[in-house]
C-alpha atoms as a PDB file:
ATOM      1  CA  MET A   1     127.202-167.350 134.751  1.00  0.00           C
ATOM      2  CA  ALA A   2     127.159-163.514 135.604  1.00  0.00           C
ATOM      3  CA  GLU A   3     125.218-163.588 131.922  1.00  0.00           C
ATOM      4  CA  GLN A   4     122.996-165.810 133.451  1.00  0.00           C
ATOM      5  CA  ALA A   5     122.295-163.709 136.286  1.00  0.00           C
ATOM      6  CA  GLY A   6     121.827-160.849 134.087  1.00  0.00           C
ATOM      7  CA  ARG A   7     119.220-162.671 131.983  1.00  0.00           C
ATOM      8  CA  GLU A   8     117.490-163.897 135.234  1.00  0.00           C
ATOM      9  CA  LEU A   9     117.634-160.262 136.300  1.00  0.00           C
ATOM     10  CA  SER A  10     116.319-158.540 133.159  1.00  0.00           C
ATOM     11  CA  SER A  11     113.855-161.398 132.803  1.00  0.00           C
ATOM     12  CA  PHE A  12     112.287-160.553 136.553  1.00  0.00           C
ATOM     13  CA  ALA A  13     112.410-157.278 136.051  1.00  0.00           C
ATOM     14  CA  GLN A  14     110.084-157.380 133.017  1.00  0.00           C
ATOM     15  CA  ALA A  15     107.551-159.645 134.870  1.00  0.00           C
ATOM     16  CA  ILE A  16     107.371-157.442 137.966  1.00  0.00           C
ATOM     17  CA  CYS A  17     107.509-153.569 136.438  1.00  0.00           C
ATOM     18  CA  ASN A  18     104.069-152.843 136.802  1.00  0.00           C
ATOM     19  CA  HIS A  19     103.752-154.033 140.164  1.00  0.00           C
ATOM     20  CA  LEU A  20     104.137-151.921 143.224  1.00  0.00           C
ATOM     21  CA  GLN A  21     107.348-151.969 145.614  1.00  0.00           C
ATOM     22  CA  PHE A  22     106.384-153.282 149.393  1.00  0.00           C
ATOM     23  CA  ASP A  23     106.952-150.073 151.778  1.00  0.00           C
ATOM     24  CA  GLY A  24     105.763-151.753 154.967  1.00  0.00           C
ATOM     25  CA  HIS A  25     102.793-150.065 154.986  1.00  0.00           C
ATOM     26  CA  MET A  26     100.632-152.479 153.396  1.00  0.00           C
ATOM     27  CA  GLU A  27      98.332-149.620 152.190  1.00  0.00           C
ATOM     28  CA  MET A  28      99.118-150.411 148.480  1.00  0.00           C
ATOM     29  CA  LEU A  29     100.769-154.319 148.843  1.00  0.00           C
ATOM     30  CA  SER A  30     100.416-156.700 151.410  1.00  0.00           C
ATOM     31  CA  ILE A  31     103.025-159.221 152.128  1.00  0.00           C
ATOM     32  CA  ASP A  32     100.844-162.242 150.863  1.00  0.00           C
ATOM     33  CA  GLY A  33      99.889-160.025 147.808  1.00  0.00           C
ATOM     34  CA  MET A  34     103.957-159.832 147.148  1.00  0.00           C
ATOM     35  CA  GLU A  35     104.382-163.241 148.136  1.00  0.00           C
ATOM     36  CA  GLU A  36     101.754-164.535 145.445  1.00  0.00           C
ATOM     37  CA  ILE A  37     103.699-161.977 142.581  1.00  0.00           C
ATOM     38  CA  LEU A  38     106.871-163.202 143.621  1.00  0.00           C
ATOM     39  CA  LYS A  39     105.677-166.923 143.146  1.00  0.00           C
ATOM     40  CA  GLY A  40     103.950-166.824 140.150  1.00  0.00           C
ATOM     41  CA  THR A  41     106.764-165.070 138.615  1.00  0.00           C
ATOM     42  CA  PHE A  42     109.228-167.314 139.747  1.00  0.00           C
ATOM     43  CA  ARG A  43     107.132-170.543 138.563  1.00  0.00           C
ATOM     44  CA  SER A  44     106.929-168.587 135.371  1.00  0.00           C
ATOM     45  CA  LEU A  45     110.601-168.147 134.998  1.00  0.00           C
ATOM     46  CA  GLN A  46     111.282-171.366 136.436  1.00  0.00           C
ATOM     47  CA  LEU A  47     113.091-170.469 138.997  1.00  0.00           C
ATOM     48  CA  THR A  48     113.667-172.621 141.755  1.00  0.00           C
ATOM     49  CA  ASP A  49     116.722-171.683 143.669  1.00  0.00           C
ATOM     50  CA  GLU A  50     115.308-169.912 147.047  1.00  0.00           C
ATOM     51  CA  VAL A  51     118.487-167.991 147.697  1.00  0.00           C
ATOM     52  CA  ARG A  52     118.538-166.615 143.985  1.00  0.00           C
ATOM     53  CA  GLN A  53     114.494-166.118 144.479  1.00  0.00           C
ATOM     54  CA  ALA A  54     115.971-164.111 148.070  1.00  0.00           C
ATOM     55  CA  GLN A  55     117.865-161.867 145.693  1.00  0.00           C
ATOM     56  CA  LEU A  56     116.013-161.066 143.275  1.00  0.00           C
ATOM     57  CA  ALA A  57     112.756-160.316 145.405  1.00  0.00           C
ATOM     58  CA  GLN A  58     114.928-157.590 147.221  1.00  0.00           C
ATOM     59  CA  VAL A  59     114.218-155.156 144.025  1.00  0.00           C
ATOM     60  CA  MET A  60     110.374-155.439 145.307  1.00  0.00           C
ATOM     61  CA  LEU A  61     111.134-153.792 148.720  1.00  0.00           C
ATOM     62  CA  ASN A  62     111.176-150.029 149.106  1.00  0.00           C
ATOM     63  CA  HIS A  63     114.738-148.806 150.446  1.00  0.00           C
ATOM     64  CA  ASN A  64     113.595-148.575 153.913  1.00  0.00           C
ATOM     65  CA  VAL A  65     112.342-152.418 154.111  1.00  0.00           C
ATOM     66  CA  LEU A  66     115.365-152.810 152.236  1.00  0.00           C
ATOM     67  CA  GLN A  67     117.533-151.778 154.830  1.00  0.00           C
ATOM     68  CA  SER A  68     115.452-153.537 157.735  1.00  0.00           C
ATOM     69  CA  TRP A  69     115.838-156.405 156.089  1.00  0.00           C
ATOM     70  CA  ALA A  70     119.717-156.251 154.994  1.00  0.00           C
ATOM     71  CA  ALA A  71     120.271-155.409 158.818  1.00  0.00           C
ATOM     72  CA  TYR A  72     118.614-158.302 159.873  1.00  0.00           C
ATOM     73  CA  CYS A  73     120.462-160.848 157.340  1.00  0.00           C
ATOM     74  CA  HIS A  74     123.863-159.041 158.904  1.00  0.00           C
ATOM     75  CA  SER A  75     122.762-159.649 162.450  1.00  0.00           C
ATOM     76  CA  GLU A  76     121.673-163.669 161.719  1.00  0.00           C
ATOM     77  CA  TRP A  77     124.984-163.996 159.248  1.00  0.00           C
ATOM     78  CA  ILE A  78     123.137-165.038 156.251  1.00  0.00           C
ATOM     79  CA  GLU A  79     123.516-162.253 154.043  1.00  0.00           C
ATOM     80  CA  ASP A  80     124.677-164.455 151.153  1.00  0.00           C
ATOM     81  CA  MET A  81     122.354-167.436 151.692  1.00  0.00           C
ATOM     82  CA  ALA A  82     119.306-165.720 152.906  1.00  0.00           C
ATOM     83  CA  THR A  83     116.239-167.810 151.411  1.00  0.00           C
ATOM     84  CA  LEU A  84     113.105-166.640 149.917  1.00  0.00           C
ATOM     85  CA  PRO A  85     110.667-168.010 153.029  1.00  0.00           C
ATOM     86  CA  GLN A  86     113.395-166.475 155.327  1.00  0.00           C
ATOM     87  CA  MET A  87     112.709-163.114 153.496  1.00  0.00           C
ATOM     88  CA  ILE A  88     108.826-163.685 153.615  1.00  0.00           C
ATOM     89  CA  SER A  89     109.029-164.788 157.139  1.00  0.00           C
ATOM     90  CA  PHE A  90     110.968-161.828 158.365  1.00  0.00           C
ATOM     91  CA  LEU A  91     108.335-159.173 156.324  1.00  0.00           C
ATOM     92  CA  LYS A  92     105.356-161.140 158.363  1.00  0.00           C
ATOM     93  CA  ALA A  93     106.888-160.652 161.450  1.00  0.00           C
ATOM     94  CA  THR A  94     108.055-157.223 161.519  1.00  0.00           C
ATOM     95  CA  TYR A  95     105.481-155.718 158.757  1.00  0.00           C
ATOM     96  CA  ASP A  96     102.007-157.353 159.941  1.00  0.00           C
ATOM     97  CA  THR A  97      98.722-156.138 159.307  1.00  0.00           C
ATOM     98  CA  VAL A  98      98.051-154.215 162.776  1.00  0.00           C
ATOM     99  CA  SER A  99      95.884-151.529 161.915  1.00  0.00           C
ATOM    100  CA  THR A 100      94.829-150.139 165.367  1.00  0.00           C
ATOM    101  CA  ALA A 101      96.521-149.796 168.643  1.00  0.00           C
ATOM    102  CA  TYR A 102      93.385-151.973 170.220  1.00  0.00           C
ATOM    103  CA  GLN A 103      94.683-154.829 167.535  1.00  0.00           C
ATOM    104  CA  ALA A 104      98.378-153.961 168.445  1.00  0.00           C
ATOM    105  CA  LEU A 105      97.220-154.737 172.360  1.00  0.00           C
ATOM    106  CA  ASP A 106      95.202-157.849 171.151  1.00  0.00           C
ATOM    107  CA  GLU A 107      98.197-159.149 169.368  1.00  0.00           C
ATOM    108  CA  LEU A 108     100.387-158.245 172.294  1.00  0.00           C
ATOM    109  CA  VAL A 109      98.164-160.677 174.762  1.00  0.00           C
ATOM    110  CA  ALA A 110      98.289-163.712 171.792  1.00  0.00           C
ATOM    111  CA  LEU A 111     102.164-163.174 171.618  1.00  0.00           C
ATOM    112  CA  LYS A 112     102.690-164.123 174.825  1.00  0.00           C
ATOM    113  CA  PHE A 113     102.329-167.936 173.505  1.00  0.00           C
ATOM    114  CA  LYS A 114     105.044-167.728 171.014  1.00  0.00           C
ATOM    115  CA  ILE A 115     107.790-166.621 173.441  1.00  0.00           C
ATOM    116  CA  ASP A 116     108.980-170.392 173.579  1.00  0.00           C
ATOM    117  CA  GLU A 117     109.484-171.004 170.006  1.00  0.00           C
ATOM    118  CA  ASP A 118     111.823-167.990 168.750  1.00  0.00           C
ATOM    119  CA  LEU A 119     113.171-165.282 171.391  1.00  0.00           C
ATOM    120  CA  PRO A 120     114.711-162.806 168.805  1.00  0.00           C
ATOM    121  CA  MET A 121     111.862-163.011 166.800  1.00  0.00           C
ATOM    122  CA  PHE A 122     109.641-162.646 169.382  1.00  0.00           C
ATOM    123  CA  ASN A 123     111.574-159.348 170.575  1.00  0.00           C
ATOM    124  CA  GLN A 124     111.466-158.142 166.745  1.00  0.00           C
ATOM    125  CA  LYS A 125     107.363-158.570 166.925  1.00  0.00           C
ATOM    126  CA  PHE A 126     106.990-157.332 170.515  1.00  0.00           C
ATOM    127  CA  ASP A 127     108.835-153.910 169.775  1.00  0.00           C
ATOM    128  CA  TYR A 128     106.736-153.605 166.441  1.00  0.00           C
ATOM    129  CA  LEU A 129     103.323-154.396 168.713  1.00  0.00           C
ATOM    130  CA  VAL A 130     104.379-152.155 171.315  1.00  0.00           C
ATOM    131  CA  ALA A 131     104.796-149.121 168.592  1.00  0.00           C
ATOM    132  CA  ARG A 132     101.407-149.667 167.310  1.00  0.00           C
ATOM    133  CA  ALA A 133      99.910-150.091 170.631  1.00  0.00           C
ATOM    134  CA  ASP A 134     100.290-146.279 171.592  1.00  0.00           C
ATOM    135  CA  PHE A 135     101.399-146.622 175.116  1.00  0.00           C
ATOM    136  CA  PRO A 136     101.707-143.405 176.799  1.00  0.00           C
ATOM    137  CA  VAL A 137     105.207-141.397 175.913  1.00  0.00           C
ATOM    138  CA  GLY A 138     107.406-141.460 178.843  1.00  0.00           C
ATOM    139  CA  GLN A 139     105.709-144.578 180.137  1.00  0.00           C
ATOM    140  CA  PRO A 140     108.662-147.210 179.777  1.00  0.00           C
ATOM    141  CA  SER A 141     107.025-149.006 182.754  1.00  0.00           C
ATOM    142  CA  ILE A 142     104.016-150.123 180.792  1.00  0.00           C
ATOM    143  CA  THR A 143     106.318-151.594 178.222  1.00  0.00           C
ATOM    144  CA  LEU A 144     108.462-153.298 180.584  1.00  0.00           C
ATOM    145  CA  ASN A 145     105.620-154.904 182.685  1.00  0.00           C
ATOM    146  CA  HIS A 146     103.839-155.972 179.467  1.00  0.00           C
ATOM    147  CA  TYR A 147     107.356-158.007 178.609  1.00  0.00           C
ATOM    148  CA  CYS A 148     107.812-159.439 182.089  1.00  0.00           C
ATOM    149  CA  ARG A 149     104.114-160.862 181.931  1.00  0.00           C
ATOM    150  CA  MET A 150     105.313-162.975 178.734  1.00  0.00           C
ATOM    151  CA  ILE A 151     108.730-164.136 180.266  1.00  0.00           C
ATOM    152  CA  PRO A 152     108.459-168.087 181.400  1.00  0.00           C
ATOM    153  CA  VAL A 153     107.554-168.545 184.975  1.00  0.00           C
ATOM    154  CA  ASP A 154     111.204-170.554 185.158  1.00  0.00           C
ATOM    155  CA  ILE A 155     113.274-167.994 183.818  1.00  0.00           C
ATOM    156  CA  LYS A 156     111.419-164.868 185.439  1.00  0.00           C
ATOM    157  CA  LYS A 157     112.895-165.885 188.941  1.00  0.00           C
ATOM    158  CA  GLU A 158     116.851-165.662 187.399  1.00  0.00           C
ATOM    159  CA  LEU A 159     115.779-162.819 185.338  1.00  0.00           C
ATOM    160  CA  PHE A 160     114.578-160.316 188.220  1.00  0.00           C
ATOM    161  CA  ALA A 161     117.490-161.465 190.560  1.00  0.00           C
ATOM    162  CA  THR A 162     119.601-158.402 189.390  1.00  0.00           C
ATOM    163  CA  ASP A 163     117.953-154.679 189.486  1.00  0.00           C
ATOM    164  CA  ILE A 164     116.305-154.506 185.723  1.00  0.00           C
ATOM    165  CA  THR A 165     114.526-151.312 184.889  1.00  0.00           C
ATOM    166  CA  THR A 166     114.455-151.136 181.323  1.00  0.00           C
ATOM    167  CA  VAL A 167     112.926-153.408 178.415  1.00  0.00           C
ATOM    168  CA  TRP A 168     116.457-153.251 177.014  1.00  0.00           C
ATOM    169  CA  GLN A 169     117.987-154.652 180.111  1.00  0.00           C
ATOM    170  CA  VAL A 170     115.233-157.554 180.219  1.00  0.00           C
ATOM    171  CA  LYS A 171     115.602-158.654 176.609  1.00  0.00           C
ATOM    172  CA  ASN A 172     119.731-159.002 176.645  1.00  0.00           C
ATOM    173  CA  ARG A 173     119.224-160.588 179.906  1.00  0.00           C
ATOM    174  CA  ALA A 174     116.799-163.303 178.536  1.00  0.00           C
ATOM    175  CA  LEU A 175     118.526-163.716 175.564  1.00  0.00           C
ATOM    176  CA  VAL A 176     121.371-164.662 178.190  1.00  0.00           C
ATOM    177  CA  LEU A 177     119.349-166.993 180.223  1.00  0.00           C
ATOM    178  CA  TRP A 178     117.624-168.461 177.143  1.00  0.00           C
END
């Protein structure tokens, strides 16, 4: 078993040795580009186990992105069973192609319709877009107002029954009420 894993790793490393690592900035390698490289490589190696694919794919992540992925896996309790589709989904939610503050605001408005799908993933994407939107420093009320506008009406009444003044407080309260 260990010998086979070693052969897989060696074959995989040889197949991707000329490709760049994904650094989260997507100036050199996009998530879609990385996904295509990985799928083609796994297809040629005839490797279909998605958990093993995710383990091998970590080689293509730079240190910071790998730490972010490891922290996510730990928080979701999926360290030893994370799949490649989960990794790609995480990378897309965390490191999307937002390139300008205006585009970040535009995506922030569109994000409102995704809050019902997955609140933790929504929170992660919200934080990323707010960071890219270049809100004025020292104005946490702007961020809080954006988050509050995205909360469904039926939760808003319960959510603001208590004194909430920060985005961190509203996120924690929303997770409890969800």
